Amino acid sequence: MKYMKIVATGKYLPSKKIENKELASILQVTEQYIEKMTGIQTRYYIQEETIVQMAVNAAKDAIQKGNIASNSIDLVIVSSTTNQYYMPGISFFVQRECKLQNAKCLDISAGCSGFINAFDIARNEIALGKIQRALVVGVDALSNVVDKNDIGTAIVLSDGAGAVILEQTNEEKQYESEIQSEIDSEDILTCKANEKIVMKGKEIYKYAVTKPVEQIQKLLSKMNMNIEEIKYLVPHQSNLRIMQAMTKRLNVSEEKMYINIQKRGNTFCASIPIALDDIMQEGKLKEKDKILLLGYGGGLNTGSILLEI
């Protein structure tokens, strides 16, 4: 069994910022109401960019930061819920635009926890010795599928892309994952072809503050660890109120949970890799730190990864 480490992160956010003031005027609510309900102050919408361009830009950012040779990447996995093509997948465009001639490509559709699934697949390929290096991208263009008059989704959703590069290492690194899908829950958060996102807010909240927390506890138990050993929880940035409720149920301080939803919004598959890039750029992690990535959402799918930096 081989070990894996994160060697680079990257992100891309569209240039158009949407402040609460703009949405408040459209939805006939106050700016304070939007921030109280979501914790969000700023979100991003694409204009001329496409979802493919966002994914490519995030990938290039990670490759540049890590000074990675393009011919050294063996696998590209992209997770998204809003691909503009049925085929080819976004990963093939990333391969072409980043000149990753030696990479095999794969796209994942698993709702908001898609990035966790993609990350885990890439790590397993490395652990089995099949590949040396993988590029994992999470990207969503939710402004294309949100009903701008639906207050339940319009005040939350945002566009963006994040990328992480993983590689094989001889250093022993702890890693464990726990991923599951919830039966009879597919109608809570949906988006049909050529339609808008539909979200049942109360049901999503109930799920998000229970199942993911239970999964974290199960994962920690499997690793024979307690939560105090974790430097940061890095969750899907769904809603500030949900994340605050999670900290209470886990009996940890809010400082242990990395939150950037205030300035990024909810970017679905992109939220965890964007958060990872932000936390890395802020210098908040060092070698040997342990973090817990937590994805949850459309499917419903829940995925947790505990890893050592």
Protein backbone atom coordinates (compact mmCIF):
# COMPACT_ATOMS: atom_id res chain seq x y z
CA MET A 1 0.00 0.00 0.00
CA LYS A 2 1.34 3.41 -1.03
CA TYR A 3 0.87 6.71 0.81
CA MET A 4 -0.51 9.98 -0.56
CA LYS A 5 0.02 13.66 0.14
CA ILE A 6 -1.41 16.95 -1.13
CA VAL A 7 1.26 18.81 -3.09
CA ALA A 8 -0.72 21.75 -4.54
CA THR A 9 -4.08 23.49 -4.46
CA GLY A 10 -5.73 26.08 -6.70
CA LYS A 11 -8.98 27.88 -7.35
CA TYR A 12 -10.85 30.14 -9.72
CA LEU A 13 -13.64 32.58 -8.90
CA PRO A 14 -15.51 34.60 -11.55
CA SER A 15 -14.88 38.33 -11.66
CA LYS A 16 -18.53 39.27 -11.08
CA LYS A 17 -19.31 39.63 -7.37
CA ILE A 18 -22.92 39.54 -6.23
CA GLU A 19 -23.39 41.38 -2.96
CA ASN A 20 -26.38 40.96 -0.65
CA LYS A 21 -27.59 44.45 -1.58
CA GLU A 22 -28.28 43.35 -5.16
CA LEU A 23 -30.23 40.24 -4.16
CA ALA A 24 -32.10 42.06 -1.40
CA SER A 25 -33.51 44.46 -3.97
CA ILE A 26 -34.65 41.65 -6.28
CA LEU A 27 -36.11 39.46 -3.54
CA GLN A 28 -37.57 42.33 -1.48
CA VAL A 29 -35.78 41.41 1.73
CA THR A 30 -33.03 43.14 3.71
CA GLU A 31 -29.31 42.56 3.39
CA GLN A 32 -29.29 41.67 7.08
CA TYR A 33 -31.90 38.97 6.52
CA ILE A 34 -29.78 37.28 3.84
CA GLU A 35 -26.67 37.30 6.03
CA LYS A 36 -28.61 36.06 9.04
CA MET A 37 -30.13 33.14 7.11
CA THR A 38 -26.97 32.07 5.26
CA GLY A 39 -23.89 33.81 6.66
CA ILE A 40 -23.05 34.89 3.11
CA GLN A 41 -22.00 38.41 2.19
CA THR A 42 -20.59 37.83 -1.30
CA ARG A 43 -21.09 35.22 -3.99
CA TYR A 44 -19.86 34.96 -7.61
CA TYR A 45 -21.59 34.52 -10.96
CA ILE A 46 -19.99 33.70 -14.27
CA GLN A 47 -20.49 36.14 -17.15
CA GLU A 48 -18.50 35.23 -20.22
CA GLU A 49 -16.75 32.31 -18.54
CA THR A 50 -17.99 28.75 -18.89
CA ILE A 51 -17.87 25.94 -16.37
CA VAL A 52 -15.09 24.36 -18.42
CA GLN A 53 -13.02 27.55 -18.29
CA MET A 54 -13.43 27.73 -14.52
CA ALA A 55 -12.25 24.13 -14.13
CA VAL A 56 -9.28 24.73 -16.44
CA ASN A 57 -8.29 27.94 -14.62
CA ALA A 58 -8.41 26.24 -11.20
CA ALA A 59 -6.36 23.33 -12.53
CA LYS A 60 -3.76 25.67 -14.05
CA ASP A 61 -3.57 27.57 -10.76
CA ALA A 62 -2.78 24.37 -8.84
CA ILE A 63 -0.26 23.19 -11.46
CA GLN A 64 1.52 26.55 -11.38
CA LYS A 65 1.57 26.80 -7.57
CA GLY A 66 2.97 23.29 -7.29
CA ASN A 67 5.40 23.75 -10.19
CA ILE A 68 4.05 20.48 -11.57
CA ALA A 69 5.18 19.12 -14.94
CA SER A 70 2.09 18.55 -17.08
CA ASN A 71 3.31 15.18 -18.36
CA SER A 72 3.60 13.90 -14.77
CA ILE A 73 -0.14 13.90 -14.06
CA ASP A 74 -1.61 10.42 -14.52
CA LEU A 75 -5.25 11.00 -13.65
CA VAL A 76 -7.77 13.86 -13.89
CA ILE A 77 -11.06 13.59 -12.01
CA VAL A 78 -13.64 16.38 -12.12
CA SER A 79 -16.72 16.51 -9.90
CA SER A 80 -19.64 18.72 -10.91
CA THR A 81 -23.41 18.92 -10.92
CA THR A 82 -23.76 21.48 -13.73
CA ASN A 83 -21.73 20.24 -16.70
CA GLN A 84 -22.87 21.94 -19.91
CA TYR A 85 -22.13 18.77 -21.91
CA TYR A 86 -23.52 15.27 -21.67
CA MET A 87 -20.20 14.27 -23.19
CA PRO A 88 -17.29 14.65 -23.19
CA GLY A 89 -16.72 15.21 -19.52
CA ILE A 90 -15.12 18.36 -18.16
CA SER A 91 -12.01 16.30 -17.31
CA PHE A 92 -11.26 15.84 -21.02
CA PHE A 93 -11.27 19.60 -21.57
CA VAL A 94 -8.98 20.04 -18.56
CA GLN A 95 -6.64 17.43 -20.02
CA ARG A 96 -6.53 19.19 -23.39
CA GLU A 97 -6.18 22.78 -22.14
CA CYS A 98 -3.57 21.90 -19.53
CA LYS A 99 -1.72 19.60 -21.97
CA LEU A 100 -1.90 16.58 -19.66
CA GLN A 101 -1.12 14.11 -22.43
CA ASN A 102 -0.44 11.15 -20.11
CA ALA A 103 -3.60 11.43 -17.99
CA LYS A 104 -6.69 9.29 -17.99
CA CYS A 105 -9.91 11.26 -17.41
CA LEU A 106 -13.02 10.74 -15.33
CA ASP A 107 -16.04 12.83 -14.28
CA ILE A 108 -18.04 12.26 -11.08
CA SER A 109 -21.65 13.23 -10.40
CA ALA A 110 -22.48 12.78 -6.71
CA GLY A 111 -24.07 16.05 -5.67
CA CYS A 112 -22.34 18.41 -3.26
CA SER A 113 -20.14 15.60 -1.91
CA GLY A 114 -18.84 14.79 -5.39
CA PHE A 115 -15.41 16.20 -4.62
CA ILE A 116 -15.04 13.80 -1.68
CA ASN A 117 -15.85 10.86 -3.96
CA ALA A 118 -13.39 12.12 -6.59
CA PHE A 119 -10.63 12.70 -4.01
CA ASP A 120 -11.11 9.22 -2.55
CA ILE A 121 -10.96 7.54 -5.96
CA ALA A 122 -7.75 9.40 -6.80
CA ARG A 123 -6.19 8.48 -3.48
CA ASN A 124 -7.12 4.82 -3.92
CA GLU A 125 -5.50 4.76 -7.37
CA ILE A 126 -2.34 6.12 -5.75
CA ALA A 127 -2.55 3.71 -2.80
CA LEU A 128 -2.79 0.73 -5.15
CA GLY A 129 0.29 1.92 -7.00
CA LYS A 130 -1.56 2.42 -10.28
CA ILE A 131 -0.61 6.10 -10.58
CA GLN A 132 1.90 8.54 -9.16
CA ARG A 133 0.00 11.83 -9.38
CA ALA A 134 -3.63 12.95 -9.73
CA LEU A 135 -5.44 16.23 -10.35
CA VAL A 136 -8.86 16.48 -8.68
CA VAL A 137 -11.17 19.37 -9.56
CA GLY A 138 -14.53 20.45 -8.15
CA VAL A 139 -16.50 22.96 -10.21
CA ASP A 140 -20.04 24.27 -10.49
CA ALA A 141 -21.80 27.07 -12.36
CA LEU A 142 -24.91 27.29 -10.23
CA SER A 143 -25.98 30.70 -11.53
CA ASN A 144 -27.05 28.87 -14.71
CA VAL A 145 -29.55 26.71 -12.85
CA VAL A 146 -30.75 28.87 -9.96
CA ASP A 147 -34.14 30.55 -10.03
CA LYS A 148 -33.19 34.15 -9.28
CA ASN A 149 -36.64 34.70 -7.72
CA ASP A 150 -36.44 31.69 -5.38
CA ILE A 151 -35.19 33.06 -2.08
CA GLY A 152 -34.35 29.58 -0.80
CA THR A 153 -31.61 29.08 -3.38
CA ALA A 154 -30.84 32.51 -4.86
CA ILE A 155 -29.32 33.88 -1.66
CA VAL A 156 -27.05 30.86 -1.19
CA LEU A 157 -25.64 29.58 -4.47
CA SER A 158 -22.46 30.73 -6.16
CA ASP A 159 -20.05 29.78 -8.97
CA GLY A 160 -16.44 28.68 -8.73
CA ALA A 161 -13.82 25.97 -9.11
CA GLY A 162 -11.17 24.43 -6.89
CA ALA A 163 -8.37 21.97 -7.60
CA VAL A 164 -6.04 19.73 -5.62
CA ILE A 165 -3.01 17.76 -6.80
CA LEU A 166 -2.20 14.53 -4.97
CA GLU A 167 0.94 12.44 -5.33
CA GLN A 168 2.47 9.24 -4.07
CA THR A 169 4.92 9.57 -1.18
CA ASN A 170 7.14 7.24 0.85
CA GLU A 171 6.22 9.17 4.00
CA GLU A 172 3.65 7.39 6.13
CA LYS A 173 0.45 9.46 6.08
CA GLN A 174 -2.79 8.65 7.86
CA TYR A 175 -5.86 8.40 5.65
CA GLU A 176 -9.37 7.05 6.05
CA SER A 177 -12.68 7.69 4.35
CA GLU A 178 -16.34 7.03 5.01
CA ILE A 179 -18.78 7.50 2.12
CA GLN A 180 -22.43 6.54 1.91
CA SER A 181 -25.61 7.32 0.00
CA GLU A 182 -28.98 7.81 1.65
CA ILE A 183 -31.88 5.72 0.36
CA ASP A 184 -35.25 7.37 -0.46
CA SER A 185 -33.86 10.90 -0.34
CA GLU A 186 -33.40 11.82 -3.98
CA ASP A 187 -36.18 14.44 -4.04
CA ILE A 188 -34.76 16.71 -1.30
CA LEU A 189 -32.27 18.47 -3.58
CA THR A 190 -32.74 18.06 -7.33
CA CYS A 191 -31.98 19.67 -10.66
CA LYS A 192 -33.48 18.10 -13.77
CA ALA A 193 -32.13 18.73 -17.27
CA ASN A 194 -33.06 22.20 -18.54
CA GLU A 195 -34.75 23.07 -15.24
CA LYS A 196 -33.82 24.99 -12.08
CA ILE A 197 -32.53 23.67 -8.77
CA VAL A 198 -35.21 22.66 -6.29
CA MET A 199 -34.23 22.44 -2.64
CA LYS A 200 -36.36 21.48 0.35
CA GLY A 201 -34.67 23.67 2.93
CA LYS A 202 -36.05 22.16 6.14
CA GLU A 203 -35.30 18.60 5.06
CA ILE A 204 -31.78 19.58 3.96
CA TYR A 205 -31.10 21.26 7.31
CA LYS A 206 -32.34 18.24 9.27
CA TYR A 207 -30.15 15.90 7.22
CA ALA A 208 -27.07 18.14 7.24
CA VAL A 209 -26.90 18.53 11.03
CA THR A 210 -27.39 14.82 11.76
CA LYS A 211 -26.03 12.35 9.16
CA PRO A 212 -22.70 14.10 8.48
CA VAL A 213 -22.08 14.51 12.21
CA GLU A 214 -22.79 10.82 12.78
CA GLN A 215 -20.38 9.98 9.98
CA ILE A 216 -17.61 12.11 11.49
CA GLN A 217 -18.04 10.33 14.80
CA LYS A 218 -17.95 6.95 13.06
CA LEU A 219 -14.80 7.88 11.15
CA LEU A 220 -13.01 9.09 14.28
CA SER A 221 -13.98 5.91 16.09
CA LYS A 222 -12.62 3.81 13.21
CA MET A 223 -9.31 5.69 13.45
CA ASN A 224 -9.30 5.48 17.28
CA MET A 225 -8.96 9.26 17.43
CA ASN A 226 -10.77 12.07 19.18
CA ILE A 227 -11.80 15.30 17.53
CA GLU A 228 -9.27 17.34 19.52
CA GLU A 229 -6.54 15.71 17.40
CA ILE A 230 -8.03 17.27 14.26
CA LYS A 231 -6.54 20.67 13.36
CA TYR A 232 -9.46 21.71 11.15
CA LEU A 233 -12.78 20.41 9.95
CA VAL A 234 -13.15 21.52 6.32
CA PRO A 235 -16.82 21.06 5.40
CA HIS A 236 -18.86 21.67 2.30
CA GLN A 237 -19.76 25.34 2.66
CA SER A 238 -23.53 24.88 2.59
CA ASN A 239 -24.89 27.41 5.05
CA LEU A 240 -23.33 29.10 8.07
CA ARG A 241 -26.19 28.08 10.34
CA ILE A 242 -25.72 24.43 9.38
CA MET A 243 -21.99 24.54 10.09
CA GLN A 244 -22.55 26.28 13.42
CA ALA A 245 -25.08 23.60 14.38
CA MET A 246 -22.53 20.92 13.48
CA THR A 247 -19.94 22.41 15.84
CA LYS A 248 -22.46 22.35 18.69
CA ARG A 249 -23.37 18.71 18.03
CA LEU A 250 -19.68 17.79 17.87
CA ASN A 251 -18.96 19.87 20.98
CA VAL A 252 -16.11 21.78 19.35
CA SER A 253 -15.40 25.48 18.95
CA GLU A 254 -16.27 27.25 15.73
CA GLU A 255 -12.56 28.05 15.34
CA LYS A 256 -11.89 24.35 14.64
CA MET A 257 -14.23 24.44 11.63
CA TYR A 258 -12.80 26.27 8.63
CA ILE A 259 -15.53 28.51 7.23
CA ASN A 260 -15.22 30.75 4.17
CA ILE A 261 -18.84 30.82 3.01
CA GLN A 262 -19.09 34.51 3.94
CA LYS A 263 -16.95 35.53 0.96
CA ARG A 264 -17.44 32.54 -1.37
CA GLY A 265 -21.05 31.41 -1.11
CA ASN A 266 -22.16 27.81 -1.64
CA THR A 267 -20.39 26.48 -4.72
CA PHE A 268 -21.49 22.83 -4.38
CA CYS A 269 -18.65 20.58 -5.68
CA ALA A 270 -16.16 23.45 -5.65
CA SER A 271 -16.64 24.46 -2.02
CA ILE A 272 -14.24 22.02 -0.34
CA PRO A 273 -11.32 22.45 -2.78
CA ILE A 274 -11.76 26.25 -2.72
CA ALA A 275 -11.68 26.09 1.09
CA LEU A 276 -8.57 23.90 0.94
CA ASP A 277 -6.81 26.43 -1.28
CA ASP A 278 -7.86 29.31 0.99
CA ILE A 279 -6.64 27.54 4.13
CA MET A 280 -3.33 26.63 2.46
CA GLN A 281 -2.79 30.17 1.17
CA GLU A 282 -3.49 31.53 4.65
CA GLY A 283 -0.72 29.30 6.03
CA LYS A 284 -2.97 27.66 8.60
CA LEU A 285 -1.73 24.11 8.02
CA LYS A 286 1.67 22.51 8.48
CA GLU A 287 3.07 19.07 7.84
CA LYS A 288 1.65 16.33 10.10
CA ASP A 289 -1.53 18.31 10.83
CA LYS A 290 -4.69 16.23 10.51
CA ILE A 291 -7.80 17.58 8.82
CA LEU A 292 -11.25 16.22 8.20
CA LEU A 293 -12.99 16.94 4.90
CA LEU A 294 -16.77 16.69 5.02
CA GLY A 295 -19.10 16.59 2.02
CA TYR A 296 -22.88 16.29 2.08
CA GLY A 297 -25.74 17.11 -0.25
CA GLY A 298 -27.65 16.21 -3.40
CA GLY A 299 -28.18 12.51 -3.78
CA LEU A 300 -28.29 12.44 -0.83
CA ASN A 301 -24.63 11.60 -0.44
CA THR A 302 -22.43 11.97 2.62
CA GLY A 303 -18.65 11.65 2.50
CA SER A 304 -15.88 12.23 5.03
CA ILE A 305 -12.11 11.97 4.66
CA LEU A 306 -9.60 12.15 7.49
CA LEU A 307 -6.10 12.81 6.23
CA GLU A 308 -2.68 13.88 7.38
CA ILE A 309 -1.03 16.85 5.67
